[in-house]
Amino acid sequence: MEGVVSREIEVKVSASETWKAYGSLKLAQIGVDKFPDKYSGFKVLQGNGYAGTIIQVFFAPGVEGPPSYKEEFLVVDDVKRVKVGKFIEGGVLEQGFKSYVVTLEAIEKEGKKNECIMKGSIEYALYDEAALPLVTSSIEGLLALMHAVADYVTKNYDDDDDDTTN
C-alpha cells in the first residue's frame, strides 16, 4: 500500500524568513526543544544541511519503538524553498514501512509579503496495512512540528531585519 498525506498551515512571517528555520538543521533543533518527551537529540552524521546530509534523530527514553532513525536530505532548494528527506534506517522503517519520504515547503502567499504557507507531506509505502495507523500519527506529528516552527519564526522574526534579497 502506498500513499501521500499532507498538511498546510499559514504563517504570519515571510516565506524567506520561515525557510531559514524550516529548510535548515534548525528544524531538528526546534523539534528536540519543543518535544522533549518525544526526542532526546539529533546528530549530523554527514554533510552541512544540504542535499546529501544524513542526520540521526534520537527518541526520548520511554518512546515506544526503535531508539532512533536516520534521514538523508535528498533535496534542499533555497530558491524554491523545498526540502526532501528520506528515512534510510530505523524509525518507521522498522515498523512496517518500505519507504518514508518527507517533503517540506515554504510557499509565498500571493500579495502578502510577510505571510506564507508551510506545507508538509509524507509519501509512504507499507509492507503491511497493519502499519497504516502510523501514517496518521506521523502526519499529526509533522503538523505539530510545523506549528512549532511557525511559533519559533513568529517569535524570532523582526520586521526590521527583513531581507527580501534571499
Protein backbone atom coordinates (compact mmCIF):
# COMPACT_ATOMS: atom_id res chain seq x y z
CA MET A 1 0.00 0.00 0.00
CA GLU A 2 1.29 3.44 -0.98
CA GLY A 3 0.07 6.96 -0.44
CA VAL A 4 0.74 10.60 0.31
CA VAL A 5 -0.63 12.67 3.18
CA SER A 6 -0.04 16.38 3.62
CA ARG A 7 -0.96 19.35 5.77
CA GLU A 8 -0.64 23.11 5.35
CA ILE A 9 -0.63 25.98 7.82
CA GLU A 10 -0.47 29.73 7.37
CA VAL A 11 2.35 31.67 8.99
CA LYS A 12 2.43 35.43 9.55
CA VAL A 13 6.08 35.61 8.51
CA SER A 14 7.57 35.77 5.01
CA ALA A 15 8.46 32.55 3.20
CA SER A 16 12.14 33.56 3.09
CA GLU A 17 12.31 34.08 6.86
CA THR A 18 10.30 30.92 7.58
CA TRP A 19 12.58 28.93 5.28
CA LYS A 20 15.62 29.90 7.39
CA ALA A 21 14.29 27.56 10.09
CA TYR A 22 12.14 25.15 8.07
CA GLY A 23 14.80 24.42 5.45
CA SER A 24 17.78 24.13 7.75
CA LEU A 25 19.14 21.96 10.56
CA LYS A 26 17.37 24.40 12.90
CA LEU A 27 14.22 22.36 12.17
CA ALA A 28 15.61 19.35 14.04
CA GLN A 29 16.70 21.54 16.96
CA ILE A 30 13.24 23.10 17.20
CA GLY A 31 11.73 19.60 17.29
CA VAL A 32 14.05 18.47 20.09
CA ASP A 33 13.48 21.67 22.09
CA LYS A 34 9.70 21.72 21.67
CA PHE A 35 9.05 17.98 22.15
CA PRO A 36 11.50 16.71 24.80
CA ASP A 37 9.07 13.91 25.68
CA LYS A 38 9.44 12.58 22.12
CA TYR A 39 13.01 13.47 21.06
CA SER A 40 16.22 13.49 23.07
CA GLY A 41 18.53 14.91 20.42
CA PHE A 42 19.98 14.66 16.94
CA LYS A 43 23.39 14.32 15.38
CA VAL A 44 24.67 15.26 11.93
CA LEU A 45 26.43 12.16 10.59
CA GLN A 46 27.38 13.62 7.23
CA GLY A 47 27.02 16.91 5.39
CA ASN A 48 26.23 20.54 6.12
CA GLY A 49 22.42 20.65 5.99
CA TYR A 50 22.04 20.48 2.22
CA ALA A 51 21.47 17.55 -0.16
CA GLY A 52 23.48 14.53 0.92
CA THR A 53 23.30 15.39 4.61
CA ILE A 54 22.43 12.50 6.90
CA ILE A 55 21.11 13.12 10.39
CA GLN A 56 20.27 10.70 13.17
CA VAL A 57 17.35 11.68 15.39
CA PHE A 58 17.10 10.05 18.82
CA PHE A 59 13.80 9.35 20.52
CA ALA A 60 13.38 10.16 24.19
CA PRO A 61 13.61 7.32 26.71
CA GLY A 62 10.26 5.58 27.04
CA VAL A 63 9.10 6.27 23.47
CA GLU A 64 7.84 3.01 22.01
CA GLY A 65 9.66 1.60 19.00
CA PRO A 66 13.20 1.93 17.68
CA PRO A 67 15.56 4.26 19.59
CA SER A 68 16.35 6.46 16.57
CA TYR A 69 16.09 6.96 12.84
CA LYS A 70 18.42 8.22 10.14
CA GLU A 71 17.25 10.60 7.45
CA GLU A 72 19.06 11.68 4.28
CA PHE A 73 18.28 15.04 2.72
CA LEU A 74 17.74 14.40 -0.98
CA VAL A 75 16.84 17.98 -1.93
CA VAL A 76 17.37 21.29 -0.14
CA ASP A 77 16.46 24.05 -2.58
CA ASP A 78 16.79 27.54 -1.10
CA VAL A 79 15.29 29.14 -4.22
CA LYS A 80 12.13 27.02 -4.42
CA ARG A 81 12.15 26.58 -0.62
CA VAL A 82 11.69 22.81 -0.84
CA LYS A 83 13.36 20.19 1.33
CA VAL A 84 13.01 16.44 0.74
CA GLY A 85 14.23 13.92 3.29
CA LYS A 86 14.13 10.13 3.06
CA PHE A 87 14.29 7.87 6.06
CA ILE A 88 17.11 5.41 5.47
CA GLU A 89 17.28 3.49 8.75
CA GLY A 90 15.25 2.92 11.92
CA GLY A 91 12.07 4.66 13.00
CA VAL A 92 9.01 3.75 10.92
CA LEU A 93 11.20 1.63 8.62
CA GLU A 94 11.29 -0.90 11.46
CA GLN A 95 7.54 -0.63 11.98
CA GLY A 96 6.10 -1.78 8.66
CA PHE A 97 7.13 0.95 6.19
CA LYS A 98 9.03 0.16 2.97
CA SER A 99 9.73 3.83 2.33
CA TYR A 100 9.07 7.15 4.03
CA VAL A 101 9.85 10.47 2.34
CA VAL A 102 9.05 13.87 3.87
CA THR A 103 8.73 16.99 1.71
CA LEU A 104 8.68 20.43 3.34
CA GLU A 105 7.85 23.68 1.57
CA ALA A 106 7.61 27.37 2.47
CA ILE A 107 5.29 28.93 -0.11
CA GLU A 108 4.91 32.65 -0.64
CA LYS A 109 1.37 33.92 -0.14
CA GLU A 110 0.36 35.90 -3.18
CA GLY A 111 0.02 39.57 -2.41
CA LYS A 112 1.13 39.15 1.22
CA LYS A 113 4.86 39.79 1.58
CA ASN A 114 5.00 38.91 5.28
CA GLU A 115 2.92 35.73 5.18
CA CYS A 116 3.47 32.25 3.83
CA ILE A 117 2.10 28.75 3.76
CA MET A 118 4.11 25.94 5.30
CA LYS A 119 3.37 22.61 3.69
CA GLY A 120 4.49 19.20 4.88
CA SER A 121 3.91 15.94 3.02
CA ILE A 122 4.73 12.33 3.72
CA GLU A 123 4.98 9.90 0.81
CA TYR A 124 5.00 6.34 2.06
CA ALA A 125 4.87 2.69 1.08
CA LEU A 126 3.87 -0.01 3.55
CA TYR A 127 4.79 -3.66 3.76
CA ASP A 128 1.67 -4.33 5.77
CA GLU A 129 -1.61 -2.45 6.19
CA ALA A 130 -1.27 -3.02 9.94
CA ALA A 131 1.18 -0.08 9.89
CA LEU A 132 -1.47 2.26 8.45
CA PRO A 133 -2.29 3.91 11.84
CA LEU A 134 1.34 5.12 11.93
CA VAL A 135 0.62 7.23 8.83
CA THR A 136 -1.98 9.22 10.77
CA SER A 137 0.25 9.66 13.81
CA SER A 138 3.17 10.61 11.55
CA ILE A 139 1.32 13.38 9.72
CA GLU A 140 -0.08 14.69 13.01
CA GLY A 141 3.48 14.71 14.39
CA LEU A 142 4.68 16.59 11.32
CA LEU A 143 1.83 19.06 11.72
CA ALA A 144 2.81 19.63 15.37
CA LEU A 145 6.41 20.27 14.24
CA MET A 146 5.17 22.72 11.61
CA HIS A 147 3.24 24.61 14.29
CA ALA A 148 6.37 24.63 16.49
CA VAL A 149 8.39 26.13 13.62
CA ALA A 150 5.64 28.69 12.97
CA ASP A 151 5.72 29.68 16.66
CA TYR A 152 9.52 29.90 16.58
CA VAL A 153 9.72 32.08 13.46
CA THR A 154 6.86 34.30 14.62
CA LYS A 155 8.58 34.93 17.98
CA ASN A 156 12.06 35.37 16.50
CA TYR A 157 11.24 37.36 13.37
CA ASP A 158 11.97 41.06 13.33
CA ASP A 159 10.28 43.08 10.53
CA ASP A 160 13.25 45.48 10.54
CA ASP A 161 15.59 42.62 9.60
CA ASP A 162 13.52 41.53 6.60
CA ASP A 163 15.97 40.60 3.85
CA THR A 164 13.94 40.08 0.71
CA THR A 165 17.03 39.57 -1.47
CA ASN A 166 17.34 35.89 -0.43
